Amino acid sequence: GLFLSELGADVVRIDRIKSASSFLRLPAEADIDR
């Protein structure tokens, strides 16, 4: 998703309402999952 977004695609991430948070706890500017 990150790579395709950087290639120009519009990507929307869909989380579940009660989704678990990432165990990595990265700051927003380093969180490649988002």
PDB file of all heavy atoms in Angstrom:
ATOM      1  N   GLY A   1       0.821  -1.214   0.000  1.00  0.00           N
ATOM      2  CA  GLY A   1       0.000   0.000   0.000  1.00  0.00           C
ATOM      3  C   GLY A   1       0.849   1.256   0.000  1.00  0.00           C
ATOM      4  O   GLY A   1       0.555   2.227  -0.711  1.00  0.00           O
ATOM      5  N   LEU A   2       1.922   1.253   0.792  1.00  0.00           N
ATOM      6  CA  LEU A   2       2.830   2.403   0.830  1.00  0.00           C
ATOM      7  C   LEU A   2       3.476   2.634  -0.527  1.00  0.00           C
ATOM      8  O   LEU A   2       3.481   3.757  -1.054  1.00  0.00           O
ATOM      9  CB  LEU A   2       3.905   2.175   1.888  1.00  0.00           C
ATOM     10  CG  LEU A   2       5.046   3.195   1.910  1.00  0.00           C
ATOM     11  CD1 LEU A   2       4.531   4.581   2.287  1.00  0.00           C
ATOM     12  CD2 LEU A   2       6.153   2.753   2.866  1.00  0.00           C
ATOM     13  N   PHE A   3       4.032   1.567  -1.122  1.00  0.00           N
ATOM     14  CA  PHE A   3       4.719   1.721  -2.401  1.00  0.00           C
ATOM     15  C   PHE A   3       3.757   2.201  -3.487  1.00  0.00           C
ATOM     16  O   PHE A   3       4.092   3.076  -4.294  1.00  0.00           O
ATOM     17  CB  PHE A   3       5.350   0.397  -2.831  1.00  0.00           C
ATOM     18  CG  PHE A   3       6.551  -0.003  -2.003  1.00  0.00           C
ATOM     19  CD1 PHE A   3       7.054  -1.296  -2.077  1.00  0.00           C
ATOM     20  CD2 PHE A   3       7.172   0.892  -1.155  1.00  0.00           C
ATOM     21  CE1 PHE A   3       8.158  -1.682  -1.332  1.00  0.00           C
ATOM     22  CE2 PHE A   3       8.274   0.525  -0.388  1.00  0.00           C
ATOM     23  CZ  PHE A   3       8.766  -0.763  -0.484  1.00  0.00           C
ATOM     24  N   LEU A   4       2.562   1.634  -3.533  1.00  0.00           N
ATOM     25  CA  LEU A   4       1.588   2.028  -4.554  1.00  0.00           C
ATOM     26  C   LEU A   4       1.131   3.464  -4.342  1.00  0.00           C
ATOM     27  O   LEU A   4       0.909   4.203  -5.304  1.00  0.00           O
ATOM     28  CB  LEU A   4       0.405   1.060  -4.541  1.00  0.00           C
ATOM     29  CG  LEU A   4       0.743  -0.375  -4.988  1.00  0.00           C
ATOM     30  CD1 LEU A   4      -0.401  -1.324  -4.647  1.00  0.00           C
ATOM     31  CD2 LEU A   4       1.053  -0.429  -6.479  1.00  0.00           C
ATOM     32  N   SER A   5       1.020   3.867  -3.080  1.00  0.00           N
ATOM     33  CA  SER A   5       0.668   5.260  -2.771  1.00  0.00           C
ATOM     34  C   SER A   5       1.766   6.204  -3.243  1.00  0.00           C
ATOM     35  O   SER A   5       1.486   7.259  -3.834  1.00  0.00           O
ATOM     36  CB  SER A   5       0.446   5.406  -1.266  1.00  0.00           C
ATOM     37  OG  SER A   5       0.284   6.763  -0.904  1.00  0.00           O
ATOM     38  N   GLU A   6       3.032   5.834  -3.003  1.00  0.00           N
ATOM     39  CA  GLU A   6       4.131   6.695  -3.429  1.00  0.00           C
ATOM     40  C   GLU A   6       4.247   6.740  -4.949  1.00  0.00           C
ATOM     41  O   GLU A   6       4.779   7.706  -5.505  1.00  0.00           O
ATOM     42  CB  GLU A   6       5.436   6.210  -2.802  1.00  0.00           C
ATOM     43  CG  GLU A   6       5.487   6.445  -1.301  1.00  0.00           C
ATOM     44  CD  GLU A   6       6.824   6.149  -0.683  1.00  0.00           C
ATOM     45  OE1 GLU A   6       7.479   5.171  -1.099  1.00  0.00           O
ATOM     46  OE2 GLU A   6       7.235   6.888   0.234  1.00  0.00           O
ATOM     47  N   LEU A   7       3.733   5.724  -5.633  1.00  0.00           N
ATOM     48  CA  LEU A   7       3.703   5.728  -7.092  1.00  0.00           C
ATOM     49  C   LEU A   7       2.547   6.567  -7.636  1.00  0.00           C
ATOM     50  O   LEU A   7       2.391   6.691  -8.848  1.00  0.00           O
ATOM     51  CB  LEU A   7       3.613   4.300  -7.624  1.00  0.00           C
ATOM     52  CG  LEU A   7       4.880   3.447  -7.463  1.00  0.00           C
ATOM     53  CD1 LEU A   7       4.599   1.997  -7.834  1.00  0.00           C
ATOM     54  CD2 LEU A   7       6.013   3.989  -8.325  1.00  0.00           C
ATOM     55  N   GLY A   8       1.741   7.126  -6.740  1.00  0.00           N
ATOM     56  CA  GLY A   8       0.702   8.060  -7.162  1.00  0.00           C
ATOM     57  C   GLY A   8      -0.725   7.616  -6.943  1.00  0.00           C
ATOM     58  O   GLY A   8      -1.652   8.403  -7.156  1.00  0.00           O
ATOM     59  N   ALA A   9      -0.943   6.366  -6.548  1.00  0.00           N
ATOM     60  CA  ALA A   9      -2.307   5.882  -6.365  1.00  0.00           C
ATOM     61  C   ALA A   9      -2.956   6.519  -5.142  1.00  0.00           C
ATOM     62  O   ALA A   9      -2.287   6.842  -4.154  1.00  0.00           O
ATOM     63  CB  ALA A   9      -2.313   4.360  -6.224  1.00  0.00           C
ATOM     64  N   ASP A  10      -4.278   6.700  -5.205  1.00  0.00           N
ATOM     65  CA  ASP A  10      -5.056   7.059  -4.025  1.00  0.00           C
ATOM     66  C   ASP A  10      -5.349   5.770  -3.271  1.00  0.00           C
ATOM     67  O   ASP A  10      -6.017   4.876  -3.788  1.00  0.00           O
ATOM     68  CB  ASP A  10      -6.378   7.722  -4.415  1.00  0.00           C
ATOM     69  CG  ASP A  10      -6.206   9.172  -4.803  1.00  0.00           C
ATOM     70  OD1 ASP A  10      -5.411   9.864  -4.145  1.00  0.00           O
ATOM     71  OD2 ASP A  10      -6.857   9.610  -5.764  1.00  0.00           O
ATOM     72  N   VAL A  11      -4.830   5.661  -2.057  1.00  0.00           N
ATOM     73  CA  VAL A  11      -5.024   4.451  -1.253  1.00  0.00           C
ATOM     74  C   VAL A  11      -5.758   4.826   0.022  1.00  0.00           C
ATOM     75  O   VAL A  11      -5.347   5.741   0.736  1.00  0.00           O
ATOM     76  CB  VAL A  11      -3.673   3.793  -0.895  1.00  0.00           C
ATOM     77  CG1 VAL A  11      -3.904   2.492  -0.122  1.00  0.00           C
ATOM     78  CG2 VAL A  11      -2.851   3.522  -2.152  1.00  0.00           C
ATOM     79  N   VAL A  12      -6.854   4.120   0.303  1.00  0.00           N
ATOM     80  CA  VAL A  12      -7.563   4.313   1.561  1.00  0.00           C
ATOM     81  C   VAL A  12      -7.439   3.036   2.374  1.00  0.00           C
ATOM     82  O   VAL A  12      -7.693   1.945   1.886  1.00  0.00           O
ATOM     83  CB  VAL A  12      -9.050   4.696   1.336  1.00  0.00           C
ATOM     84  CG1 VAL A  12      -9.804   3.629   0.559  1.00  0.00           C
ATOM     85  CG2 VAL A  12      -9.741   4.974   2.672  1.00  0.00           C
ATOM     86  N   ARG A  13      -6.983   3.195   3.613  1.00  0.00           N
ATOM     87  CA  ARG A  13      -6.833   2.057   4.505  1.00  0.00           C
ATOM     88  C   ARG A  13      -8.126   1.822   5.268  1.00  0.00           C
ATOM     89  O   ARG A  13      -8.698   2.751   5.837  1.00  0.00           O
ATOM     90  CB  ARG A  13      -5.703   2.295   5.513  1.00  0.00           C
ATOM     91  CG  ARG A  13      -4.308   2.283   4.929  1.00  0.00           C
ATOM     92  CD  ARG A  13      -3.262   2.585   5.985  1.00  0.00           C
ATOM     93  NE  ARG A  13      -3.333   1.662   7.099  1.00  0.00           N
ATOM     94  CZ  ARG A  13      -3.925   1.896   8.260  1.00  0.00           C
ATOM     95  NH1 ARG A  13      -4.517   3.060   8.480  1.00  0.00           N
ATOM     96  NH2 ARG A  13      -3.931   0.998   9.207  1.00  0.00           N
ATOM     97  N   ILE A  14      -8.564   0.572   5.310  1.00  0.00           N
ATOM     98  CA  ILE A  14      -9.782   0.216   6.018  1.00  0.00           C
ATOM     99  C   ILE A  14      -9.427  -0.589   7.259  1.00  0.00           C
ATOM    100  O   ILE A  14      -8.924  -1.710   7.175  1.00  0.00           O
ATOM    101  CB  ILE A  14     -10.730  -0.616   5.118  1.00  0.00           C
ATOM    102  CG1 ILE A  14     -11.061   0.152   3.833  1.00  0.00           C
ATOM    103  CG2 ILE A  14     -11.991  -0.992   5.888  1.00  0.00           C
ATOM    104  CD1 ILE A  14     -11.795   1.470   4.047  1.00  0.00           C
ATOM    105  N   ASP A  15      -9.679   0.018   8.414  1.00  0.00           N
ATOM    106  CA  ASP A  15      -9.488  -0.663   9.701  1.00  0.00           C
ATOM    107  C   ASP A  15     -10.840  -1.099  10.231  1.00  0.00           C
ATOM    108  O   ASP A  15     -11.876  -0.490   9.915  1.00  0.00           O
ATOM    109  CB  ASP A  15      -8.864   0.297  10.719  1.00  0.00           C
ATOM    110  CG  ASP A  15      -7.364   0.148  10.832  1.00  0.00           C
ATOM    111  OD1 ASP A  15      -6.908  -0.970  11.107  1.00  0.00           O
ATOM    112  OD2 ASP A  15      -6.660   1.163  10.660  1.00  0.00           O
ATOM    113  N   ARG A  16     -10.826  -2.141  11.039  1.00  0.00           N
ATOM    114  CA  ARG A  16     -12.063  -2.489  11.748  1.00  0.00           C
ATOM    115  C   ARG A  16     -12.294  -1.472  12.863  1.00  0.00           C
ATOM    116  O   ARG A  16     -11.359  -0.854  13.363  1.00  0.00           O
ATOM    117  CB  ARG A  16     -11.962  -3.894  12.323  1.00  0.00           C
ATOM    118  CG  ARG A  16     -11.775  -4.961  11.239  1.00  0.00           C
ATOM    119  CD  ARG A  16     -12.014  -6.333  11.787  1.00  0.00           C
ATOM    120  NE  ARG A  16     -11.677  -7.356  10.797  1.00  0.00           N
ATOM    121  CZ  ARG A  16     -12.034  -8.617  10.893  1.00  0.00           C
ATOM    122  NH1 ARG A  16     -12.740  -9.031  11.934  1.00  0.00           N
ATOM    123  NH2 ARG A  16     -11.684  -9.493   9.971  1.00  0.00           N
ATOM    124  N   ILE A  17     -13.546  -1.319  13.247  1.00  0.00           N
ATOM    125  CA  ILE A  17     -13.901  -0.354  14.291  1.00  0.00           C
ATOM    126  C   ILE A  17     -13.100  -0.604  15.558  1.00  0.00           C
ATOM    127  O   ILE A  17     -12.605   0.322  16.201  1.00  0.00           O
ATOM    128  CB  ILE A  17     -15.419  -0.421  14.592  1.00  0.00           C
ATOM    129  CG1 ILE A  17     -16.207   0.263  13.467  1.00  0.00           C
ATOM    130  CG2 ILE A  17     -15.751   0.223  15.933  1.00  0.00           C
ATOM    131  CD1 ILE A  17     -16.119   1.776  13.459  1.00  0.00           C
ATOM    132  N   LYS A  18     -12.944  -1.863  15.943  1.00  0.00           N
ATOM    133  CA  LYS A  18     -12.216  -2.198  17.160  1.00  0.00           C
ATOM    134  C   LYS A  18     -10.890  -2.865  16.816  1.00  0.00           C
ATOM    135  O   LYS A  18     -10.516  -3.889  17.383  1.00  0.00           O
ATOM    136  CB  LYS A  18     -13.054  -3.106  18.054  1.00  0.00           C
ATOM    137  CG  LYS A  18     -14.320  -2.445  18.586  1.00  0.00           C
ATOM    138  CD  LYS A  18     -15.091  -3.377  19.501  1.00  0.00           C
ATOM    139  CE  LYS A  18     -16.339  -2.681  20.041  1.00  0.00           C
ATOM    140  NZ  LYS A  18     -17.134  -3.588  20.933  1.00  0.00           N
ATOM    141  N   SER A  19     -10.158  -2.292  15.866  1.00  0.00           N
ATOM    142  CA  SER A  19      -8.895  -2.882  15.439  1.00  0.00           C
ATOM    143  C   SER A  19      -7.844  -2.737  16.532  1.00  0.00           C
ATOM    144  O   SER A  19      -7.824  -1.760  17.273  1.00  0.00           O
ATOM    145  CB  SER A  19      -8.397  -2.215  14.159  1.00  0.00           C
ATOM    146  OG  SER A  19      -8.232  -0.826  14.373  1.00  0.00           O
ATOM    147  N   ALA A  20      -6.973  -3.739  16.615  1.00  0.00           N
ATOM    148  CA  ALA A  20      -5.878  -3.694  17.582  1.00  0.00           C
ATOM    149  C   ALA A  20      -4.789  -2.758  17.077  1.00  0.00           C
ATOM    150  O   ALA A  20      -4.552  -2.656  15.880  1.00  0.00           O
ATOM    151  CB  ALA A  20      -5.305  -5.092  17.787  1.00  0.00           C
ATOM    152  N   SER A  21      -4.134  -2.071  17.991  1.00  0.00           N
ATOM    153  CA  SER A  21      -3.042  -1.173  17.591  1.00  0.00           C
ATOM    154  C   SER A  21      -1.794  -1.992  17.296  1.00  0.00           C
ATOM    155  O   SER A  21      -1.627  -3.108  17.768  1.00  0.00           O
ATOM    156  CB  SER A  21      -2.754  -0.153  18.691  1.00  0.00           C
ATOM    157  OG  SER A  21      -2.404  -0.820  19.891  1.00  0.00           O
ATOM    158  N   SER A  22      -0.903  -1.425  16.498  1.00  0.00           N
ATOM    159  CA  SER A  22       0.323  -2.117  16.124  1.00  0.00           C
ATOM    160  C   SER A  22       1.213  -2.306  17.341  1.00  0.00           C
ATOM    161  O   SER A  22       1.364  -1.417  18.170  1.00  0.00           O
ATOM    162  CB  SER A  22       1.076  -1.303  15.063  1.00  0.00           C
ATOM    163  OG  SER A  22       2.372  -1.831  14.874  1.00  0.00           O
ATOM    164  N   PHE A  23       1.835  -3.497  17.460  1.00  0.00           N
ATOM    165  CA  PHE A  23       2.731  -3.753  18.581  1.00  0.00           C
ATOM    166  C   PHE A  23       4.040  -2.987  18.442  1.00  0.00           C
ATOM    167  O   PHE A  23       4.809  -2.875  19.390  1.00  0.00           O
ATOM    168  CB  PHE A  23       3.019  -5.262  18.692  1.00  0.00           C
ATOM    169  CG  PHE A  23       3.839  -5.828  17.562  1.00  0.00           C
ATOM    170  CD1 PHE A  23       5.216  -5.878  17.646  1.00  0.00           C
ATOM    171  CD2 PHE A  23       3.225  -6.309  16.421  1.00  0.00           C
ATOM    172  CE1 PHE A  23       5.971  -6.399  16.614  1.00  0.00           C
ATOM    173  CE2 PHE A  23       3.977  -6.833  15.378  1.00  0.00           C
ATOM    174  CZ  PHE A  23       5.355  -6.880  15.477  1.00  0.00           C
ATOM    175  N   LEU A  24       4.312  -2.410  17.251  1.00  0.00           N
ATOM    176  CA  LEU A  24       5.578  -1.718  17.036  1.00  0.00           C
ATOM    177  C   LEU A  24       5.618  -0.344  17.686  1.00  0.00           C
ATOM    178  O   LEU A  24       6.672   0.156  18.037  1.00  0.00           O
ATOM    179  CB  LEU A  24       5.843  -1.586  15.522  1.00  0.00           C
ATOM    180  CG  LEU A  24       6.071  -2.900  14.786  1.00  0.00           C
ATOM    181  CD1 LEU A  24       6.196  -2.655  13.291  1.00  0.00           C
ATOM    182  CD2 LEU A  24       7.326  -3.602  15.315  1.00  0.00           C
ATOM    183  N   ARG A  25       4.460   0.310  17.828  1.00  0.00           N
ATOM    184  CA  ARG A  25       4.369   1.625  18.477  1.00  0.00           C
ATOM    185  C   ARG A  25       5.318   2.649  17.861  1.00  0.00           C
ATOM    186  O   ARG A  25       6.040   3.358  18.557  1.00  0.00           O
ATOM    187  CB  ARG A  25       4.663   1.503  19.976  1.00  0.00           C
ATOM    188  CG  ARG A  25       3.718   0.609  20.750  1.00  0.00           C
ATOM    189  CD  ARG A  25       2.349   1.271  20.926  1.00  0.00           C
ATOM    190  NE  ARG A  25       1.569   0.643  21.966  1.00  0.00           N
ATOM    191  CZ  ARG A  25       0.809  -0.447  21.791  1.00  0.00           C
ATOM    192  NH1 ARG A  25       0.768  -1.012  20.599  1.00  0.00           N
ATOM    193  NH2 ARG A  25       0.116  -0.956  22.780  1.00  0.00           N
ATOM    194  N   LEU A  26       5.331   2.754  16.549  1.00  0.00           N
ATOM    195  CA  LEU A  26       6.197   3.711  15.878  1.00  0.00           C
ATOM    196  C   LEU A  26       5.563   5.092  15.858  1.00  0.00           C
ATOM    197  O   LEU A  26       4.333   5.220  15.803  1.00  0.00           O
ATOM    198  CB  LEU A  26       6.448   3.263  14.440  1.00  0.00           C
ATOM    199  CG  LEU A  26       7.396   2.078  14.248  1.00  0.00           C
ATOM    200  CD1 LEU A  26       7.302   1.562  12.814  1.00  0.00           C
ATOM    201  CD2 LEU A  26       8.822   2.489  14.570  1.00  0.00           C
ATOM    202  N   PRO A  27       6.374   6.165  15.859  1.00  0.00           N
ATOM    203  CA  PRO A  27       5.800   7.508  15.681  1.00  0.00           C
ATOM    204  C   PRO A  27       5.196   7.620  14.285  1.00  0.00           C
ATOM    205  O   PRO A  27       5.593   6.917  13.353  1.00  0.00           O
ATOM    206  CB  PRO A  27       7.010   8.433  15.847  1.00  0.00           C
ATOM    207  CG  PRO A  27       8.200   7.568  15.580  1.00  0.00           C
ATOM    208  CD  PRO A  27       7.831   6.190  16.026  1.00  0.00           C
ATOM    209  N   ALA A  28       4.245   8.529  14.124  1.00  0.00           N
ATOM    210  CA  ALA A  28       3.477   8.621  12.878  1.00  0.00           C
ATOM    211  C   ALA A  28       4.365   8.793  11.652  1.00  0.00           C
ATOM    212  O   ALA A  28       4.120   8.185  10.611  1.00  0.00           O
ATOM    213  CB  ALA A  28       2.482   9.779  12.979  1.00  0.00           C
ATOM    214  N   GLU A  29       5.425   9.598  11.773  1.00  0.00           N
ATOM    215  CA  GLU A  29       6.265   9.880  10.609  1.00  0.00           C
ATOM    216  C   GLU A  29       7.133   8.685  10.206  1.00  0.00           C
ATOM    217  O   GLU A  29       7.734   8.686   9.130  1.00  0.00           O
ATOM    218  CB  GLU A  29       7.148  11.103  10.863  1.00  0.00           C
ATOM    219  CG  GLU A  29       8.159  10.955  11.967  1.00  0.00           C
ATOM    220  CD  GLU A  29       7.597  11.295  13.347  1.00  0.00           C
ATOM    221  OE1 GLU A  29       6.361  11.442  13.466  1.00  0.00           O
ATOM    222  OE2 GLU A  29       8.408  11.422  14.289  1.00  0.00           O
ATOM    223  N   ALA A  30       7.202   7.656  11.055  1.00  0.00           N
ATOM    224  CA  ALA A  30       8.000   6.472  10.750  1.00  0.00           C
ATOM    225  C   ALA A  30       7.147   5.220  10.564  1.00  0.00           C
ATOM    226  O   ALA A  30       7.683   4.155  10.275  1.00  0.00           O
ATOM    227  CB  ALA A  30       9.011   6.232  11.865  1.00  0.00           C
ATOM    228  N   ASP A  31       5.841   5.343  10.703  1.00  0.00           N
ATOM    229  CA  ASP A  31       4.954   4.178  10.665  1.00  0.00           C
ATOM    230  C   ASP A  31       4.610   3.832   9.220  1.00  0.00           C
ATOM    231  O   ASP A  31       3.643   4.342   8.653  1.00  0.00           O
ATOM    232  CB  ASP A  31       3.688   4.452  11.466  1.00  0.00           C
ATOM    233  CG  ASP A  31       2.837   3.205  11.657  1.00  0.00           C
ATOM    234  OD1 ASP A  31       3.166   2.161  11.039  1.00  0.00           O
ATOM    235  OD2 ASP A  31       1.844   3.274  12.393  1.00  0.00           O
ATOM    236  N   ILE A  32       5.401   2.949   8.600  1.00  0.00           N
ATOM    237  CA  ILE A  32       5.174   2.632   7.192  1.00  0.00           C
ATOM    238  C   ILE A  32       3.859   1.885   6.975  1.00  0.00           C
ATOM    239  O   ILE A  32       3.376   1.788   5.849  1.00  0.00           O
ATOM    240  CB  ILE A  32       6.336   1.827   6.593  1.00  0.00           C
ATOM    241  CG1 ILE A  32       6.460   0.452   7.249  1.00  0.00           C
ATOM    242  CG2 ILE A  32       7.644   2.593   6.696  1.00  0.00           C
ATOM    243  CD1 ILE A  32       7.400  -0.472   6.532  1.00  0.00           C
ATOM    244  N   ASP A  33       3.274   1.339   8.054  1.00  0.00           N
ATOM    245  CA  ASP A  33       1.976   0.683   7.914  1.00  0.00           C
ATOM    246  C   ASP A  33       0.854   1.687   7.652  1.00  0.00           C
ATOM    247  O   ASP A  33      -0.258   1.294   7.276  1.00  0.00           O
ATOM    248  CB  ASP A  33       1.634  -0.115   9.179  1.00  0.00           C
ATOM    249  CG  ASP A  33       2.456  -1.400   9.282  1.00  0.00           C
ATOM    250  OD1 ASP A  33       3.104  -1.759   8.291  1.00  0.00           O
ATOM    251  OD2 ASP A  33       2.431  -2.026  10.354  1.00  0.00           O
ATOM    252  N   ARG A  34       1.131   2.990   7.849  1.00  0.00           N
ATOM    253  CA  ARG A  34       0.085   3.997   7.705  1.00  0.00           C
ATOM    254  C   ARG A  34       0.473   5.202   6.854  1.00  0.00           C
ATOM    255  O   ARG A  34      -0.402   5.927   6.385  1.00  0.00           O
ATOM    256  CB  ARG A  34      -0.345   4.486   9.097  1.00  0.00           C
ATOM    257  CG  ARG A  34      -1.068   3.409   9.900  1.00  0.00           C
ATOM    258  CD  ARG A  34      -1.253   3.809  11.357  1.00  0.00           C
ATOM    259  NE  ARG A  34      -2.110   2.866  12.044  1.00  0.00           N
ATOM    260  CZ  ARG A  34      -1.727   1.661  12.458  1.00  0.00           C
ATOM    261  NH1 ARG A  34      -0.475   1.267  12.270  1.00  0.00           N
ATOM    262  NH2 ARG A  34      -2.573   0.848  13.074  1.00  0.00           N
TER     263      ARG A  34
END
